Amino acid sequence: MLPWSAMLRAALTAGIAPEAFWRLSVREWRWLAGGGDGMDRGRLAALMGAYPDCPPGAHFGGSRGQEPQAPDMPPWAPAFAGVSGEKEN
């Protein structure tokens, strides 16, 4: 877990308003805090390969006239997302 209170305290000490702090990217924060560069494209690609957003075989975003297909969702997901959860035929 990140030490958010210490990070926010350091930002305030540096004169960064809380609103601006929460809008910072990780790369910007690391640069401001002297923590070095953020991850490069190769490391991001490796993480995306290791932890994909969708399960193998799932297809998001229709192409060539196909409707987007989403994986099965847990029962709480539709209510959490603010949708009915009813499947359309």
PDB file of N, CA and C in Angstrom:
ATOM      1  N   MET A   1       0.844  -1.175   0.000  1.00  0.00           N
ATOM      2  CA  MET A   1       0.000   0.000   0.000  1.00  0.00           C
ATOM      3  C   MET A   1       0.891   1.240   0.000  1.00  0.00           C
ATOM      4  N   LEU A   2       0.466   2.224  -0.724  1.00  0.00           N
ATOM      5  CA  LEU A   2       1.255   3.452  -0.817  1.00  0.00           C
ATOM      6  C   LEU A   2       1.020   4.346   0.396  1.00  0.00           C
ATOM      7  N   PRO A   3       2.042   5.062   0.821  1.00  0.00           N
ATOM      8  CA  PRO A   3       1.910   5.975   1.962  1.00  0.00           C
ATOM      9  C   PRO A   3       1.270   7.300   1.526  1.00  0.00           C
ATOM     10  N   TRP A   4      -0.043   7.268   1.264  1.00  0.00           N
ATOM     11  CA  TRP A   4      -0.739   8.438   0.715  1.00  0.00           C
ATOM     12  C   TRP A   4      -0.600   9.671   1.594  1.00  0.00           C
ATOM     13  N   SER A   5      -0.728   9.510   2.898  1.00  0.00           N
ATOM     14  CA  SER A   5      -0.656  10.689   3.767  1.00  0.00           C
ATOM     15  C   SER A   5       0.727  11.331   3.708  1.00  0.00           C
ATOM     16  N   ALA A   6       1.780  10.524   3.683  1.00  0.00           N
ATOM     17  CA  ALA A   6       3.134  11.080   3.578  1.00  0.00           C
ATOM     18  C   ALA A   6       3.346  11.741   2.221  1.00  0.00           C
ATOM     19  N   MET A   7       2.795  11.138   1.169  1.00  0.00           N
ATOM     20  CA  MET A   7       2.930  11.713  -0.165  1.00  0.00           C
ATOM     21  C   MET A   7       2.187  13.040  -0.262  1.00  0.00           C
ATOM     22  N   LEU A   8       0.966  13.085   0.271  1.00  0.00           N
ATOM     23  CA  LEU A   8       0.192  14.327   0.245  1.00  0.00           C
ATOM     24  C   LEU A   8       0.877  15.399   1.089  1.00  0.00           C
ATOM     25  N   ARG A   9       1.405  15.008   2.238  1.00  0.00           N
ATOM     26  CA  ARG A   9       2.120  15.960   3.091  1.00  0.00           C
ATOM     27  C   ARG A   9       3.328  16.544   2.354  1.00  0.00           C
ATOM     28  N   ALA A  10       4.074  15.705   1.648  1.00  0.00           N
ATOM     29  CA  ALA A  10       5.232  16.175   0.878  1.00  0.00           C
ATOM     30  C   ALA A  10       4.793  17.110  -0.238  1.00  0.00           C
ATOM     31  N   ALA A  11       3.672  16.797  -0.887  1.00  0.00           N
ATOM     32  CA  ALA A  11       3.165  17.660  -1.957  1.00  0.00           C
ATOM     33  C   ALA A  11       2.746  19.012  -1.399  1.00  0.00           C
ATOM     34  N   LEU A  12       2.053  19.008  -0.260  1.00  0.00           N
ATOM     35  CA  LEU A  12       1.634  20.270   0.354  1.00  0.00           C
ATOM     36  C   LEU A  12       2.843  21.098   0.775  1.00  0.00           C
ATOM     37  N   THR A  13       3.866  20.434   1.305  1.00  0.00           N
ATOM     38  CA  THR A  13       5.094  21.128   1.693  1.00  0.00           C
ATOM     39  C   THR A  13       5.757  21.770   0.477  1.00  0.00           C
ATOM     40  N   ALA A  14       5.641  21.110  -0.680  1.00  0.00           N
ATOM     41  CA  ALA A  14       6.225  21.629  -1.917  1.00  0.00           C
ATOM     42  C   ALA A  14       5.340  22.687  -2.569  1.00  0.00           C
ATOM     43  N   GLY A  15       4.171  22.962  -1.966  1.00  0.00           N
ATOM     44  CA  GLY A  15       3.285  23.990  -2.506  1.00  0.00           C
ATOM     45  C   GLY A  15       2.296  23.485  -3.535  1.00  0.00           C
ATOM     46  N   ILE A  16       2.114  22.172  -3.613  1.00  0.00           N
ATOM     47  CA  ILE A  16       1.159  21.591  -4.560  1.00  0.00           C
ATOM     48  C   ILE A  16      -0.185  21.456  -3.855  1.00  0.00           C
ATOM     49  N   ALA A  17      -1.220  22.057  -4.433  1.00  0.00           N
ATOM     50  CA  ALA A  17      -2.568  21.994  -3.851  1.00  0.00           C
ATOM     51  C   ALA A  17      -3.088  20.556  -3.901  1.00  0.00           C
ATOM     52  N   PRO A  18      -3.962  20.161  -2.943  1.00  0.00           N
ATOM     53  CA  PRO A  18      -4.501  18.800  -2.957  1.00  0.00           C
ATOM     54  C   PRO A  18      -5.153  18.421  -4.288  1.00  0.00           C
ATOM     55  N   GLU A  19      -5.897  19.357  -4.895  1.00  0.00           N
ATOM     56  CA  GLU A  19      -6.553  19.052  -6.174  1.00  0.00           C
ATOM     57  C   GLU A  19      -5.514  18.712  -7.244  1.00  0.00           C
ATOM     58  N   ALA A  20      -4.416  19.474  -7.257  1.00  0.00           N
ATOM     59  CA  ALA A  20      -3.355  19.223  -8.239  1.00  0.00           C
ATOM     60  C   ALA A  20      -2.633  17.908  -7.930  1.00  0.00           C
ATOM     61  N   PHE A  21      -2.456  17.596  -6.650  1.00  0.00           N
ATOM     62  CA  PHE A  21      -1.810  16.342  -6.256  1.00  0.00           C
ATOM     63  C   PHE A  21      -2.575  15.153  -6.808  1.00  0.00           C
ATOM     64  N   TRP A  22      -3.908  15.141  -6.654  1.00  0.00           N
ATOM     65  CA  TRP A  22      -4.706  13.998  -7.090  1.00  0.00           C
ATOM     66  C   TRP A  22      -4.792  13.896  -8.605  1.00  0.00           C
ATOM     67  N   ARG A  23      -4.462  14.961  -9.322  1.00  0.00           N
ATOM     68  CA  ARG A  23      -4.455  14.911 -10.788  1.00  0.00           C
ATOM     69  C   ARG A  23      -3.100  14.471 -11.345  1.00  0.00           C
ATOM     70  N   LEU A  24      -2.075  14.385 -10.517  1.00  0.00           N
ATOM     71  CA  LEU A  24      -0.746  13.990 -10.988  1.00  0.00           C
ATOM     72  C   LEU A  24      -0.740  12.537 -11.458  1.00  0.00           C
ATOM     73  N   SER A  25      -0.015  12.284 -12.541  1.00  0.00           N
ATOM     74  CA  SER A  25       0.214  10.898 -12.945  1.00  0.00           C
ATOM     75  C   SER A  25       1.326  10.329 -12.059  1.00  0.00           C
ATOM     76  N   VAL A  26       1.467   9.011 -12.078  1.00  0.00           N
ATOM     77  CA  VAL A  26       2.532   8.380 -11.295  1.00  0.00           C
ATOM     78  C   VAL A  26       3.889   8.883 -11.775  1.00  0.00           C
ATOM     79  N   ARG A  27       4.044   9.003 -13.082  1.00  0.00           N
ATOM     80  CA  ARG A  27       5.316   9.489 -13.635  1.00  0.00           C
ATOM     81  C   ARG A  27       5.612  10.903 -13.140  1.00  0.00           C
ATOM     82  N   GLU A  28       4.595  11.781 -13.139  1.00  0.00           N
ATOM     83  CA  GLU A  28       4.794  13.152 -12.657  1.00  0.00           C
ATOM     84  C   GLU A  28       5.168  13.156 -11.172  1.00  0.00           C
ATOM     85  N   TRP A  29       4.459  12.334 -10.384  1.00  0.00           N
ATOM     86  CA  TRP A  29       4.758  12.290  -8.951  1.00  0.00           C
ATOM     87  C   TRP A  29       6.177  11.795  -8.715  1.00  0.00           C
ATOM     88  N   ARG A  30       6.572  10.736  -9.417  1.00  0.00           N
ATOM     89  CA  ARG A  30       7.927  10.207  -9.231  1.00  0.00           C
ATOM     90  C   ARG A  30       8.973  11.247  -9.600  1.00  0.00           C
ATOM     91  N   TRP A  31       8.714  11.996 -10.669  1.00  0.00           N
ATOM     92  CA  TRP A  31       9.659  13.033 -11.058  1.00  0.00           C
ATOM     93  C   TRP A  31       9.731  14.111  -9.985  1.00  0.00           C
ATOM     94  N   LEU A  32       8.566  14.558  -9.496  1.00  0.00           N
ATOM     95  CA  LEU A  32       8.538  15.586  -8.455  1.00  0.00           C
ATOM     96  C   LEU A  32       9.195  15.102  -7.168  1.00  0.00           C
ATOM     97  N   ALA A  33       8.980  13.834  -6.839  1.00  0.00           N
ATOM     98  CA  ALA A  33       9.513  13.288  -5.594  1.00  0.00           C
ATOM     99  C   ALA A  33      10.955  12.800  -5.746  1.00  0.00           C
ATOM    100  N   GLY A  34      11.496  12.882  -6.946  1.00  0.00           N
ATOM    101  CA  GLY A  34      12.873  12.441  -7.163  1.00  0.00           C
ATOM    102  C   GLY A  34      13.018  10.941  -7.193  1.00  0.00           C
ATOM    103  N   GLY A  35      11.944  10.241  -7.521  1.00  0.00           N
ATOM    104  CA  GLY A  35      11.967   8.784  -7.517  1.00  0.00           C
ATOM    105  C   GLY A  35      12.385   8.147  -8.825  1.00  0.00           C
ATOM    106  N   GLY A  36      12.828   8.910  -9.790  1.00  0.00           N
ATOM    107  CA  GLY A  36      13.272   8.339 -11.053  1.00  0.00           C
ATOM    108  C   GLY A  36      12.166   8.291 -12.086  1.00  0.00           C
ATOM    109  N   ASP A  37      12.479   7.631 -13.180  1.00  0.00           N
ATOM    110  CA  ASP A  37      11.542   7.538 -14.298  1.00  0.00           C
ATOM    111  C   ASP A  37      10.422   6.556 -13.987  1.00  0.00           C
ATOM    112  N   GLY A  38       9.311   6.747 -14.661  1.00  0.00           N
ATOM    113  CA  GLY A  38       8.215   5.787 -14.584  1.00  0.00           C
ATOM    114  C   GLY A  38       8.554   4.566 -15.436  1.00  0.00           C
ATOM    115  N   MET A  39       7.629   3.633 -15.538  1.00  0.00           N
ATOM    116  CA  MET A  39       7.905   2.434 -16.323  1.00  0.00           C
ATOM    117  C   MET A  39       7.939   2.774 -17.808  1.00  0.00           C
ATOM    118  N   ASP A  40       8.733   1.999 -18.543  1.00  0.00           N
ATOM    119  CA  ASP A  40       8.814   2.216 -19.981  1.00  0.00           C
ATOM    120  C   ASP A  40       7.780   1.342 -20.691  1.00  0.00           C
ATOM    121  N   ARG A  41       7.682   1.509 -22.006  1.00  0.00           N
ATOM    122  CA  ARG A  41       6.675   0.795 -22.791  1.00  0.00           C
ATOM    123  C   ARG A  41       6.852  -0.722 -22.690  1.00  0.00           C
ATOM    124  N   GLY A  42       8.093  -1.193 -22.654  1.00  0.00           N
ATOM    125  CA  GLY A  42       8.338  -2.630 -22.556  1.00  0.00           C
ATOM    126  C   GLY A  42       7.817  -3.221 -21.258  1.00  0.00           C
ATOM    127  N   ARG A  43       8.038  -2.527 -20.154  1.00  0.00           N
ATOM    128  CA  ARG A  43       7.549  -3.002 -18.849  1.00  0.00           C
ATOM    129  C   ARG A  43       6.028  -2.976 -18.803  1.00  0.00           C
ATOM    130  N   LEU A  44       5.423  -1.925 -19.387  1.00  0.00           N
ATOM    131  CA  LEU A  44       3.960  -1.853 -19.450  1.00  0.00           C
ATOM    132  C   LEU A  44       3.406  -3.019 -20.262  1.00  0.00           C
ATOM    133  N   ALA A  45       4.025  -3.315 -21.403  1.00  0.00           N
ATOM    134  CA  ALA A  45       3.577  -4.437 -22.235  1.00  0.00           C
ATOM    135  C   ALA A  45       3.691  -5.758 -21.477  1.00  0.00           C
ATOM    136  N   ALA A  46       4.776  -5.932 -20.717  1.00  0.00           N
ATOM    137  CA  ALA A  46       4.946  -7.154 -19.931  1.00  0.00           C
ATOM    138  C   ALA A  46       3.853  -7.283 -18.873  1.00  0.00           C
ATOM    139  N   LEU A  47       3.536  -6.189 -18.187  1.00  0.00           N
ATOM    140  CA  LEU A  47       2.470  -6.221 -17.182  1.00  0.00           C
ATOM    141  C   LEU A  47       1.109  -6.483 -17.820  1.00  0.00           C
ATOM    142  N   MET A  48       0.855  -5.862 -18.971  1.00  0.00           N
ATOM    143  CA  MET A  48      -0.418  -6.083 -19.658  1.00  0.00           C
ATOM    144  C   MET A  48      -0.557  -7.538 -20.094  1.00  0.00           C
ATOM    145  N   GLY A  49       0.563  -8.155 -20.492  1.00  0.00           N
ATOM    146  CA  GLY A  49       0.528  -9.561 -20.859  1.00  0.00           C
ATOM    147  C   GLY A  49       0.304 -10.465 -19.659  1.00  0.00           C
ATOM    148  N   ALA A  50       0.903 -10.105 -18.539  1.00  0.00           N
ATOM    149  CA  ALA A  50       0.776 -10.915 -17.325  1.00  0.00           C
ATOM    150  C   ALA A  50      -0.582 -10.749 -16.651  1.00  0.00           C
ATOM    151  N   TYR A  51      -1.180  -9.560 -16.771  1.00  0.00           N
ATOM    152  CA  TYR A  51      -2.449  -9.258 -16.106  1.00  0.00           C
ATOM    153  C   TYR A  51      -3.416  -8.618 -17.102  1.00  0.00           C
ATOM    154  N   PRO A  52      -3.954  -9.404 -18.050  1.00  0.00           N
ATOM    155  CA  PRO A  52      -4.847  -8.821 -19.065  1.00  0.00           C
ATOM    156  C   PRO A  52      -6.146  -8.307 -18.451  1.00  0.00           C
ATOM    157  N   ASP A  53      -6.737  -7.311 -19.116  1.00  0.00           N
ATOM    158  CA  ASP A  53      -7.995  -6.736 -18.646  1.00  0.00           C
ATOM    159  C   ASP A  53      -9.167  -7.677 -18.853  1.00  0.00           C
ATOM    160  N   CYS A  54      -9.098  -8.538 -19.829  1.00  0.00           N
ATOM    161  CA  CYS A  54     -10.203  -9.465 -20.067  1.00  0.00           C
ATOM    162  C   CYS A  54      -9.649 -10.884 -20.113  1.00  0.00           C
ATOM    163  N   PRO A  55     -10.468 -11.846 -19.728  1.00  0.00           N
ATOM    164  CA  PRO A  55     -10.003 -13.227 -19.692  1.00  0.00           C
ATOM    165  C   PRO A  55      -9.727 -13.755 -21.100  1.00  0.00           C
ATOM    166  N   PRO A  56      -8.878 -14.791 -21.209  1.00  0.00           N
ATOM    167  CA  PRO A  56      -8.601 -15.377 -22.518  1.00  0.00           C
ATOM    168  C   PRO A  56      -9.886 -15.813 -23.199  1.00  0.00           C
ATOM    169  N   GLY A  57     -10.008 -15.532 -24.473  1.00  0.00           N
ATOM    170  CA  GLY A  57     -11.194 -15.909 -25.234  1.00  0.00           C
ATOM    171  C   GLY A  57     -12.280 -14.864 -25.251  1.00  0.00           C
ATOM    172  N   ALA A  58     -12.241 -13.897 -24.343  1.00  0.00           N
ATOM    173  CA  ALA A  58     -13.251 -12.837 -24.335  1.00  0.00           C
ATOM    174  C   ALA A  58     -12.912 -11.843 -25.433  1.00  0.00           C
ATOM    175  N   HIS A  59     -13.945 -11.239 -25.983  1.00  0.00           N
ATOM    176  CA  HIS A  59     -13.744 -10.264 -27.053  1.00  0.00           C
ATOM    177  C   HIS A  59     -14.528  -9.013 -26.721  1.00  0.00           C
ATOM    178  N   PHE A  60     -13.832  -7.908 -26.576  1.00  0.00           N
ATOM    179  CA  PHE A  60     -14.483  -6.633 -26.330  1.00  0.00           C
ATOM    180  C   PHE A  60     -14.342  -5.773 -27.567  1.00  0.00           C
ATOM    181  N   GLY A  61     -15.355  -5.002 -27.860  1.00  0.00           N
ATOM    182  CA  GLY A  61     -15.304  -4.096 -29.007  1.00  0.00           C
ATOM    183  C   GLY A  61     -15.603  -4.843 -30.284  1.00  0.00           C
ATOM    184  N   GLY A  62     -16.802  -4.636 -30.810  1.00  0.00           N
ATOM    185  CA  GLY A  62     -17.197  -5.324 -32.031  1.00  0.00           C
ATOM    186  C   GLY A  62     -16.329  -4.927 -33.205  1.00  0.00           C
ATOM    187  N   SER A  63     -16.090  -5.872 -34.072  1.00  0.00           N
ATOM    188  CA  SER A  63     -15.372  -5.578 -35.302  1.00  0.00           C
ATOM    189  C   SER A  63     -15.979  -6.414 -36.407  1.00  0.00           C
ATOM    190  N   ARG A  64     -15.907  -5.905 -37.608  1.00  0.00           N
ATOM    191  CA  ARG A  64     -16.457  -6.600 -38.772  1.00  0.00           C
ATOM    192  C   ARG A  64     -17.914  -6.982 -38.562  1.00  0.00           C
ATOM    193  N   GLY A  65     -18.688  -6.055 -37.999  1.00  0.00           N
ATOM    194  CA  GLY A  65     -20.120  -6.276 -37.839  1.00  0.00           C
ATOM    195  C   GLY A  65     -20.512  -7.119 -36.648  1.00  0.00           C
ATOM    196  N   GLN A  66     -19.560  -7.514 -35.827  1.00  0.00           N
ATOM    197  CA  GLN A  66     -19.881  -8.333 -34.659  1.00  0.00           C
ATOM    198  C   GLN A  66     -20.240  -7.446 -33.482  1.00  0.00           C
ATOM    199  N   GLU A  67     -21.130  -7.921 -32.650  1.00  0.00           N
ATOM    200  CA  GLU A  67     -21.465  -7.215 -31.417  1.00  0.00           C
ATOM    201  C   GLU A  67     -20.385  -7.497 -30.385  1.00  0.00           C
ATOM    202  N   PRO A  68     -20.064  -6.525 -29.546  1.00  0.00           N
ATOM    203  CA  PRO A  68     -19.091  -6.781 -28.478  1.00  0.00           C
ATOM    204  C   PRO A  68     -19.588  -7.878 -27.552  1.00  0.00           C
ATOM    205  N   GLN A  69     -18.698  -8.748 -27.127  1.00  0.00           N
ATOM    206  CA  GLN A  69     -19.028  -9.826 -26.205  1.00  0.00           C
ATOM    207  C   GLN A  69     -18.279  -9.608 -24.900  1.00  0.00           C
ATOM    208  N   ALA A  70     -18.997  -9.595 -23.811  1.00  0.00           N
ATOM    209  CA  ALA A  70     -18.374  -9.423 -22.498  1.00  0.00           C
ATOM    210  C   ALA A  70     -18.366 -10.765 -21.777  1.00  0.00           C
ATOM    211  N   PRO A  71     -17.383 -11.001 -20.925  1.00  0.00           N
ATOM    212  CA  PRO A  71     -17.373 -12.240 -20.146  1.00  0.00           C
ATOM    213  C   PRO A  71     -18.509 -12.235 -19.132  1.00  0.00           C
ATOM    214  N   ASP A  72     -18.810 -13.416 -18.594  1.00  0.00           N
ATOM    215  CA  ASP A  72     -19.825 -13.481 -17.543  1.00  0.00           C
ATOM    216  C   ASP A  72     -19.408 -12.597 -16.385  1.00  0.00           C
ATOM    217  N   MET A  73     -20.384 -11.890 -15.831  1.00  0.00           N
ATOM    218  CA  MET A  73     -20.097 -10.984 -14.725  1.00  0.00           C
ATOM    219  C   MET A  73     -20.663 -11.559 -13.441  1.00  0.00           C
ATOM    220  N   PRO A  74     -20.048 -11.239 -12.312  1.00  0.00           N
ATOM    221  CA  PRO A  74     -20.623 -11.673 -11.041  1.00  0.00           C
ATOM    222  C   PRO A  74     -21.985 -11.021 -10.847  1.00  0.00           C
ATOM    223  N   PRO A  75     -22.865 -11.614 -10.037  1.00  0.00           N
ATOM    224  CA  PRO A  75     -24.221 -11.098  -9.870  1.00  0.00           C
ATOM    225  C   PRO A  75     -24.286  -9.647  -9.409  1.00  0.00           C
ATOM    226  N   TRP A  76     -23.308  -9.178  -8.648  1.00  0.00           N
ATOM    227  CA  TRP A  76     -23.353  -7.809  -8.139  1.00  0.00           C
ATOM    228  C   TRP A  76     -22.917  -6.791  -9.172  1.00  0.00           C
ATOM    229  N   ALA A  77     -22.218  -7.212 -10.233  1.00  0.00           N
ATOM    230  CA  ALA A  77     -21.636  -6.263 -11.189  1.00  0.00           C
ATOM    231  C   ALA A  77     -22.673  -5.377 -11.874  1.00  0.00           C
ATOM    232  N   PRO A  78     -23.798  -5.914 -12.408  1.00  0.00           N
ATOM    233  CA  PRO A  78     -24.744  -5.015 -13.077  1.00  0.00           C
ATOM    234  C   PRO A  78     -25.306  -3.952 -12.146  1.00  0.00           C
ATOM    235  N   ALA A  79     -25.653  -4.327 -10.917  1.00  0.00           N
ATOM    236  CA  ALA A  79     -26.202  -3.343  -9.981  1.00  0.00           C
ATOM    237  C   ALA A  79     -25.140  -2.319  -9.614  1.00  0.00           C
ATOM    238  N   PHE A  80     -23.925  -2.782  -9.456  1.00  0.00           N
ATOM    239  CA  PHE A  80     -22.829  -1.883  -9.118  1.00  0.00           C
ATOM    240  C   PHE A  80     -22.584  -0.895 -10.253  1.00  0.00           C
ATOM    241  N   ALA A  81     -22.724  -1.355 -11.491  1.00  0.00           N
ATOM    242  CA  ALA A  81     -22.475  -0.504 -12.653  1.00  0.00           C
ATOM    243  C   ALA A  81     -23.680   0.372 -12.983  1.00  0.00           C
ATOM    244  N   GLY A  82     -24.817   0.149 -12.324  1.00  0.00           N
ATOM    245  CA  GLY A  82     -25.996   0.965 -12.579  1.00  0.00           C
ATOM    246  C   GLY A  82     -26.804   0.510 -13.779  1.00  0.00           C
ATOM    247  N   VAL A  83     -26.675  -0.765 -14.149  1.00  0.00           N
ATOM    248  CA  VAL A  83     -27.456  -1.299 -15.261  1.00  0.00           C
ATOM    249  C   VAL A  83     -28.305  -2.447 -14.754  1.00  0.00           C
ATOM    250  N   SER A  84     -29.266  -2.866 -15.575  1.00  0.00           N
ATOM    251  CA  SER A  84     -30.228  -3.863 -15.121  1.00  0.00           C
ATOM    252  C   SER A  84     -29.651  -5.268 -15.033  1.00  0.00           C
ATOM    253  N   GLY A  85     -28.705  -5.600 -15.885  1.00  0.00           N
ATOM    254  CA  GLY A  85     -28.160  -6.947 -15.885  1.00  0.00           C
ATOM    255  C   GLY A  85     -28.935  -7.906 -16.754  1.00  0.00           C
ATOM    256  N   GLU A  86     -30.044  -7.453 -17.327  1.00  0.00           N
ATOM    257  CA  GLU A  86     -30.837  -8.294 -18.219  1.00  0.00           C
ATOM    258  C   GLU A  86     -30.090  -8.481 -19.531  1.00  0.00           C
ATOM    259  N   LYS A  87     -30.084  -9.717 -20.042  1.00  0.00           N
ATOM    260  CA  LYS A  87     -29.444  -9.968 -21.330  1.00  0.00           C
ATOM    261  C   LYS A  87     -30.419  -9.612 -22.443  1.00  0.00           C
ATOM    262  N   GLU A  88     -29.896  -8.938 -23.448  1.00  0.00           N
ATOM    263  CA  GLU A  88     -30.720  -8.584 -24.600  1.00  0.00           C
ATOM    264  C   GLU A  88     -30.639  -9.696 -25.630  1.00  0.00           C
ATOM    265  N   ASN A  89     -31.767  -9.995 -26.253  1.00  0.00           N
ATOM    266  CA  ASN A  89     -31.785 -11.027 -27.307  1.00  0.00           C
ATOM    267  C   ASN A  89     -31.963 -10.395 -28.650  1.00  0.00           C
TER     268      ASN A  89
END
